[in-house]
PDB file of N, CA and C in Angstrom:
ATOM      1  N   MET A   1     -45.547-195.949 103.934  1.00  0.00           N
ATOM      2  CA  MET A   1     -45.470-196.945 104.968  1.00  0.00           C
ATOM      3  C   MET A   1     -44.575-198.081 104.491  1.00  0.00           C
ATOM      4  N   PRO A   2     -43.807-198.618 105.405  1.00  0.00           N
ATOM      5  CA  PRO A   2     -42.960-199.744 105.010  1.00  0.00           C
ATOM      6  C   PRO A   2     -43.794-201.002 104.783  1.00  0.00           C
ATOM      7  N   ASP A   3     -43.288-201.863 103.923  1.00  0.00           N
ATOM      8  CA  ASP A   3     -43.992-203.120 103.652  1.00  0.00           C
ATOM      9  C   ASP A   3     -44.088-203.998 104.888  1.00  0.00           C
ATOM     10  N   ASP A   4     -43.139-203.850 105.796  1.00  0.00           N
ATOM     11  CA  ASP A   4     -43.119-204.672 107.001  1.00  0.00           C
ATOM     12  C   ASP A   4     -43.671-203.917 108.221  1.00  0.00           C
ATOM     13  N   LEU A   5     -44.678-203.089 107.991  1.00  0.00           N
ATOM     14  CA  LEU A   5     -45.234-202.270 109.065  1.00  0.00           C
ATOM     15  C   LEU A   5     -45.651-203.104 110.273  1.00  0.00           C
ATOM     16  N   SER A   6     -46.336-204.196 110.048  1.00  0.00           N
ATOM     17  CA  SER A   6     -46.795-205.038 111.175  1.00  0.00           C
ATOM     18  C   SER A   6     -45.618-205.511 112.013  1.00  0.00           C
ATOM     19  N   GLU A   7     -44.566-205.947 111.356  1.00  0.00           N
ATOM     20  CA  GLU A   7     -43.389-206.426 112.076  1.00  0.00           C
ATOM     21  C   GLU A   7     -42.700-205.279 112.824  1.00  0.00           C
ATOM     22  N   GLN A   8     -42.645-204.110 112.206  1.00  0.00           N
ATOM     23  CA  GLN A   8     -42.034-202.951 112.842  1.00  0.00           C
ATOM     24  C   GLN A   8     -42.807-202.534 114.101  1.00  0.00           C
ATOM     25  N   LEU A   9     -44.117-202.586 114.028  1.00  0.00           N
ATOM     26  CA  LEU A   9     -44.932-202.234 115.195  1.00  0.00           C
ATOM     27  C   LEU A   9     -44.660-203.180 116.360  1.00  0.00           C
ATOM     28  N   VAL A  10     -44.620-204.464 116.076  1.00  0.00           N
ATOM     29  CA  VAL A  10     -44.351-205.455 117.121  1.00  0.00           C
ATOM     30  C   VAL A  10     -42.934-205.269 117.659  1.00  0.00           C
ATOM     31  N   ALA A  11     -41.959-205.072 116.773  1.00  0.00           N
ATOM     32  CA  ALA A  11     -40.566-204.919 117.186  1.00  0.00           C
ATOM     33  C   ALA A  11     -40.357-203.693 118.064  1.00  0.00           C
ATOM     34  N   ASN A  12     -41.211-202.681 117.903  1.00  0.00           N
ATOM     35  CA  ASN A  12     -41.081-201.446 118.673  1.00  0.00           C
ATOM     36  C   ASN A  12     -42.121-201.326 119.783  1.00  0.00           C
ATOM     37  N   SER A  13     -42.714-202.455 120.131  1.00  0.00           N
ATOM     38  CA  SER A  13     -43.657-202.557 121.254  1.00  0.00           C
ATOM     39  C   SER A  13     -44.927-201.723 121.085  1.00  0.00           C
ATOM     40  N   PHE A  14     -45.383-201.559 119.853  1.00  0.00           N
ATOM     41  CA  PHE A  14     -46.660-200.902 119.616  1.00  0.00           C
ATOM     42  C   PHE A  14     -47.752-201.964 119.618  1.00  0.00           C
ATOM     43  N   ALA A  15     -48.938-201.582 120.045  1.00  0.00           N
ATOM     44  CA  ALA A  15     -50.074-202.500 120.063  1.00  0.00           C
ATOM     45  C   ALA A  15     -51.256-201.851 119.361  1.00  0.00           C
ATOM     46  N   ALA A  16     -52.091-202.667 118.760  1.00  0.00           N
ATOM     47  CA  ALA A  16     -53.303-202.166 118.116  1.00  0.00           C
ATOM     48  C   ALA A  16     -54.268-201.663 119.189  1.00  0.00           C
ATOM     49  N   LEU A  17     -54.947-200.578 118.886  1.00  0.00           N
ATOM     50  CA  LEU A  17     -55.932-200.022 119.815  1.00  0.00           C
ATOM     51  C   LEU A  17     -57.284-200.050 119.116  1.00  0.00           C
ATOM     52  N   PRO A  18     -58.134-200.995 119.470  1.00  0.00           N
ATOM     53  CA  PRO A  18     -59.438-201.062 118.827  1.00  0.00           C
ATOM     54  C   PRO A  18     -60.320-199.875 119.211  1.00  0.00           C
ATOM     55  N   VAL A  19     -61.208-199.518 118.326  1.00  0.00           N
ATOM     56  CA  VAL A  19     -62.169-198.451 118.603  1.00  0.00           C
ATOM     57  C   VAL A  19     -63.279-199.044 119.465  1.00  0.00           C
ATOM     58  N   GLU A  20     -63.494-198.409 120.609  1.00  0.00           N
ATOM     59  CA  GLU A  20     -64.524-198.858 121.535  1.00  0.00           C
ATOM     60  C   GLU A  20     -65.573-197.756 121.676  1.00  0.00           C
ATOM     61  N   VAL A  21     -66.707-198.107 122.236  1.00  0.00           N
ATOM     62  CA  VAL A  21     -67.801-197.147 122.407  1.00  0.00           C
ATOM     63  C   VAL A  21     -67.337-195.931 123.189  1.00  0.00           C
ATOM     64  N   ARG A  22     -66.529-196.130 124.207  1.00  0.00           N
ATOM     65  CA  ARG A  22     -66.055-194.997 125.017  1.00  0.00           C
ATOM     66  C   ARG A  22     -65.240-194.015 124.178  1.00  0.00           C
ATOM     67  N   HIS A  23     -64.534-194.503 123.173  1.00  0.00           N
ATOM     68  CA  HIS A  23     -63.783-193.619 122.277  1.00  0.00           C
ATOM     69  C   HIS A  23     -64.743-192.810 121.406  1.00  0.00           C
ATOM     70  N   ALA A  24     -65.740-193.497 120.871  1.00  0.00           N
ATOM     71  CA  ALA A  24     -66.719-192.804 120.025  1.00  0.00           C
ATOM     72  C   ALA A  24     -67.470-191.737 120.814  1.00  0.00           C
ATOM     73  N   LEU A  25     -67.805-192.037 122.048  1.00  0.00           N
ATOM     74  CA  LEU A  25     -68.508-191.057 122.872  1.00  0.00           C
ATOM     75  C   LEU A  25     -67.615-189.857 123.204  1.00  0.00           C
ATOM     76  N   ALA A  26     -66.327-190.080 123.358  1.00  0.00           N
ATOM     77  CA  ALA A  26     -65.402-188.991 123.677  1.00  0.00           C
ATOM     78  C   ALA A  26     -65.265-188.003 122.523  1.00  0.00           C
ATOM     79  N   VAL A  27     -65.537-188.429 121.310  1.00  0.00           N
ATOM     80  CA  VAL A  27     -65.461-187.542 120.142  1.00  0.00           C
ATOM     81  C   VAL A  27     -66.431-186.372 120.302  1.00  0.00           C
ATOM     82  N   ARG A  28     -67.552-186.607 120.968  1.00  0.00           N
ATOM     83  CA  ARG A  28     -68.565-185.547 121.141  1.00  0.00           C
ATOM     84  C   ARG A  28     -68.019-184.316 121.836  1.00  0.00           C
ATOM     85  N   HIS A  29     -66.994-184.482 122.643  1.00  0.00           N
ATOM     86  CA  HIS A  29     -66.468-183.379 123.441  1.00  0.00           C
ATOM     87  C   HIS A  29     -65.306-182.637 122.768  1.00  0.00           C
ATOM     88  N   LEU A  30     -65.006-183.001 121.529  1.00  0.00           N
ATOM     89  CA  LEU A  30     -63.895-182.373 120.818  1.00  0.00           C
ATOM     90  C   LEU A  30     -64.404-181.312 119.847  1.00  0.00           C
ATOM     91  N   PRO A  31     -63.619-180.258 119.623  1.00  0.00           N
ATOM     92  CA  PRO A  31     -64.016-179.257 118.633  1.00  0.00           C
ATOM     93  C   PRO A  31     -64.032-179.867 117.234  1.00  0.00           C
ATOM     94  N   ASP A  32     -64.799-179.242 116.348  1.00  0.00           N
ATOM     95  CA  ASP A  32     -64.870-179.726 114.971  1.00  0.00           C
ATOM     96  C   ASP A  32     -63.504-179.674 114.312  1.00  0.00           C
ATOM     97  N   HIS A  33     -63.334-180.570 113.361  1.00  0.00           N
ATOM     98  CA  HIS A  33     -62.091-180.694 112.603  1.00  0.00           C
ATOM     99  C   HIS A  33     -62.472-181.373 111.297  1.00  0.00           C
ATOM    100  N   ARG A  34     -61.820-181.020 110.231  1.00  0.00           N
ATOM    101  CA  ARG A  34     -62.211-181.562 108.925  1.00  0.00           C
ATOM    102  C   ARG A  34     -62.052-183.067 108.806  1.00  0.00           C
ATOM    103  N   ASP A  35     -61.154-183.634 109.567  1.00  0.00           N
ATOM    104  CA  ASP A  35     -60.874-185.064 109.425  1.00  0.00           C
ATOM    105  C   ASP A  35     -61.467-185.839 110.607  1.00  0.00           C
ATOM    106  N   PRO A  36     -62.554-186.576 110.389  1.00  0.00           N
ATOM    107  CA  PRO A  36     -63.169-187.314 111.489  1.00  0.00           C
ATOM    108  C   PRO A  36     -62.245-188.399 112.056  1.00  0.00           C
ATOM    109  N   CYS A  37     -61.345-188.924 111.243  1.00  0.00           N
ATOM    110  CA  CYS A  37     -60.402-189.925 111.758  1.00  0.00           C
ATOM    111  C   CYS A  37     -59.444-189.290 112.756  1.00  0.00           C
ATOM    112  N   ASP A  38     -59.011-188.054 112.486  1.00  0.00           N
ATOM    113  CA  ASP A  38     -58.162-187.343 113.442  1.00  0.00           C
ATOM    114  C   ASP A  38     -58.875-187.195 114.774  1.00  0.00           C
ATOM    115  N   ARG A  39     -60.137-186.832 114.725  1.00  0.00           N
ATOM    116  CA  ARG A  39     -60.900-186.645 115.963  1.00  0.00           C
ATOM    117  C   ARG A  39     -60.994-187.948 116.747  1.00  0.00           C
ATOM    118  N   LEU A  40     -61.174-189.059 116.035  1.00  0.00           N
ATOM    119  CA  LEU A  40     -61.250-190.349 116.712  1.00  0.00           C
ATOM    120  C   LEU A  40     -59.902-190.713 117.328  1.00  0.00           C
ATOM    121  N   LEU A  41     -58.819-190.461 116.619  1.00  0.00           N
ATOM    122  CA  LEU A  41     -57.492-190.733 117.173  1.00  0.00           C
ATOM    123  C   LEU A  41     -57.227-189.891 118.418  1.00  0.00           C
ATOM    124  N   VAL A  42     -57.614-188.626 118.369  1.00  0.00           N
ATOM    125  CA  VAL A  42     -57.452-187.740 119.528  1.00  0.00           C
ATOM    126  C   VAL A  42     -58.301-188.260 120.694  1.00  0.00           C
ATOM    127  N   ALA A  43     -59.524-188.645 120.409  1.00  0.00           N
ATOM    128  CA  ALA A  43     -60.404-189.166 121.466  1.00  0.00           C
ATOM    129  C   ALA A  43     -59.806-190.417 122.099  1.00  0.00           C
ATOM    130  N   GLN A  44     -59.265-191.301 121.291  1.00  0.00           N
ATOM    131  CA  GLN A  44     -58.632-192.510 121.829  1.00  0.00           C
ATOM    132  C   GLN A  44     -57.439-192.138 122.716  1.00  0.00           C
ATOM    133  N   ALA A  45     -56.597-191.240 122.228  1.00  0.00           N
ATOM    134  CA  ALA A  45     -55.406-190.851 122.992  1.00  0.00           C
ATOM    135  C   ALA A  45     -55.794-190.215 124.323  1.00  0.00           C
ATOM    136  N   LYS A  46     -56.760-189.311 124.284  1.00  0.00           N
ATOM    137  CA  LYS A  46     -57.182-188.631 125.509  1.00  0.00           C
ATOM    138  C   LYS A  46     -57.839-189.620 126.480  1.00  0.00           C
ATOM    139  N   THR A  47     -58.682-190.473 125.979  1.00  0.00           N
ATOM    140  CA  THR A  47     -59.404-191.427 126.821  1.00  0.00           C
ATOM    141  C   THR A  47     -58.460-192.416 127.490  1.00  0.00           C
ATOM    142  N   ASP A  48     -57.442-192.846 126.745  1.00  0.00           N
ATOM    143  CA  ASP A  48     -56.548-193.892 127.246  1.00  0.00           C
ATOM    144  C   ASP A  48     -55.214-193.353 127.758  1.00  0.00           C
ATOM    145  N   GLY A  49     -55.058-192.027 127.807  1.00  0.00           N
ATOM    146  CA  GLY A  49     -53.828-191.442 128.324  1.00  0.00           C
ATOM    147  C   GLY A  49     -52.610-191.737 127.473  1.00  0.00           C
ATOM    148  N   LEU A  50     -52.786-191.691 126.157  1.00  0.00           N
ATOM    149  CA  LEU A  50     -51.704-192.003 125.223  1.00  0.00           C
ATOM    150  C   LEU A  50     -51.248-190.758 124.478  1.00  0.00           C
ATOM    151  N   ALA A  51     -50.119-190.843 123.829  1.00  0.00           N
ATOM    152  CA  ALA A  51     -49.620-189.763 122.973  1.00  0.00           C
ATOM    153  C   ALA A  51     -49.807-190.173 121.517  1.00  0.00           C
ATOM    154  N   LEU A  52     -50.065-189.191 120.675  1.00  0.00           N
ATOM    155  CA  LEU A  52     -50.164-189.429 119.236  1.00  0.00           C
ATOM    156  C   LEU A  52     -48.819-189.136 118.595  1.00  0.00           C
ATOM    157  N   VAL A  53     -48.408-189.982 117.678  1.00  0.00           N
ATOM    158  CA  VAL A  53     -47.207-189.733 116.889  1.00  0.00           C
ATOM    159  C   VAL A  53     -47.689-189.216 115.542  1.00  0.00           C
ATOM    160  N   THR A  54     -47.412-187.932 115.258  1.00  0.00           N
ATOM    161  CA  THR A  54     -47.920-187.329 114.032  1.00  0.00           C
ATOM    162  C   THR A  54     -47.087-186.121 113.626  1.00  0.00           C
ATOM    163  N   ALA A  55     -47.140-185.827 112.338  1.00  0.00           N
ATOM    164  CA  ALA A  55     -46.537-184.600 111.810  1.00  0.00           C
ATOM    165  C   ALA A  55     -47.631-183.592 111.478  1.00  0.00           C
ATOM    166  N   ASP A  56     -48.886-183.963 111.711  1.00  0.00           N
ATOM    167  CA  ASP A  56     -50.045-183.131 111.376  1.00  0.00           C
ATOM    168  C   ASP A  56     -50.184-181.993 112.393  1.00  0.00           C
ATOM    169  N   GLN A  57     -49.947-180.777 111.944  1.00  0.00           N
ATOM    170  CA  GLN A  57     -50.018-179.619 112.837  1.00  0.00           C
ATOM    171  C   GLN A  57     -51.441-179.351 113.341  1.00  0.00           C
ATOM    172  N   ALA A  58     -52.455-179.791 112.609  1.00  0.00           N
ATOM    173  CA  ALA A  58     -53.839-179.563 113.030  1.00  0.00           C
ATOM    174  C   ALA A  58     -54.148-180.284 114.346  1.00  0.00           C
ATOM    175  N   ILE A  59     -53.447-181.364 114.612  1.00  0.00           N
ATOM    176  CA  ILE A  59     -53.674-182.117 115.848  1.00  0.00           C
ATOM    177  C   ILE A  59     -53.269-181.287 117.065  1.00  0.00           C
ATOM    178  N   ARG A  60     -52.338-180.385 116.883  1.00  0.00           N
ATOM    179  CA  ARG A  60     -51.832-179.589 118.013  1.00  0.00           C
ATOM    180  C   ARG A  60     -52.890-178.664 118.609  1.00  0.00           C
ATOM    181  N   ARG A  61     -53.986-178.435 117.913  1.00  0.00           N
ATOM    182  CA  ARG A  61     -55.034-177.580 118.479  1.00  0.00           C
ATOM    183  C   ARG A  61     -55.830-178.287 119.574  1.00  0.00           C
ATOM    184  N   TYR A  62     -55.653-179.587 119.666  1.00  0.00           N
ATOM    185  CA  TYR A  62     -56.314-180.369 120.707  1.00  0.00           C
ATOM    186  C   TYR A  62     -55.403-180.483 121.928  1.00  0.00           C
ATOM    187  N   ASP A  63     -56.006-180.657 123.081  1.00  0.00           N
ATOM    188  CA  ASP A  63     -55.249-180.847 124.311  1.00  0.00           C
ATOM    189  C   ASP A  63     -54.907-182.337 124.430  1.00  0.00           C
ATOM    190  N   VAL A  64     -53.878-182.737 123.668  1.00  0.00           N
ATOM    191  CA  VAL A  64     -53.462-184.146 123.660  1.00  0.00           C
ATOM    192  C   VAL A  64     -51.938-184.184 123.505  1.00  0.00           C
ATOM    193  N   ALA A  65     -51.323-185.172 124.138  1.00  0.00           N
ATOM    194  CA  ALA A  65     -49.875-185.326 124.016  1.00  0.00           C
ATOM    195  C   ALA A  65     -49.527-185.756 122.595  1.00  0.00           C
ATOM    196  N   VAL A  66     -48.493-185.097 122.041  1.00  0.00           N
ATOM    197  CA  VAL A  66     -48.072-185.389 120.664  1.00  0.00           C
ATOM    198  C   VAL A  66     -46.566-185.611 120.642  1.00  0.00           C
ATOM    199  N   LEU A  67     -46.154-186.669 119.967  1.00  0.00           N
ATOM    200  CA  LEU A  67     -44.749-186.897 119.683  1.00  0.00           C
ATOM    201  C   LEU A  67     -44.546-186.626 118.202  1.00  0.00           C
ATOM    202  N   PRO A  68     -43.534-185.827 117.845  1.00  0.00           N
ATOM    203  CA  PRO A  68     -43.343-185.496 116.431  1.00  0.00           C
ATOM    204  C   PRO A  68     -42.926-186.724 115.624  1.00  0.00           C
ATOM    205  N   ALA A  69     -43.512-186.845 114.458  1.00  0.00           N
ATOM    206  CA  ALA A  69     -43.171-187.932 113.543  1.00  0.00           C
ATOM    207  C   ALA A  69     -42.187-187.399 112.515  1.00  0.00           C
ATOM    208  N   GLY A  70     -41.103-188.096 112.328  1.00  0.00           N
ATOM    209  CA  GLY A  70     -40.145-187.719 111.295  1.00  0.00           C
ATOM    210  C   GLY A  70     -40.644-188.187 109.940  1.00  0.00           C
ATOM    211  N   VAL A  71     -40.358-187.406 108.946  1.00  0.00           N
ATOM    212  CA  VAL A  71     -40.762-187.766 107.583  1.00  0.00           C
ATOM    213  C   VAL A  71     -39.516-188.146 106.811  1.00  0.00           C
ATOM    214  N   GLU A  72     -39.493-189.383 106.320  1.00  0.00           N
ATOM    215  CA  GLU A  72     -38.351-189.825 105.540  1.00  0.00           C
ATOM    216  C   GLU A  72     -38.479-189.340 104.111  1.00  0.00           C
ATOM    217  N   PRO A  73     -37.340-188.974 103.488  1.00  0.00           N
ATOM    218  CA  PRO A  73     -37.407-188.501 102.096  1.00  0.00           C
ATOM    219  C   PRO A  73     -37.800-189.597 101.131  1.00  0.00           C
TER     220      PRO A  73
END
């Protein structure tokens, strides 16, 4: 992660998405996955109609919009 991550997020119009009860409840309807944080991110994206930016192929097993994340060398 870049040292100026906060500034980069603001500069690119990203906003923080707090975890709300509705997100936690949506996790119940997702298939098991080894990473509980992934499940919460998927639940947030599905609940709020958002896309996830990730290079994690395991996320693709969920019915959620995904934008590929580039990996810098």
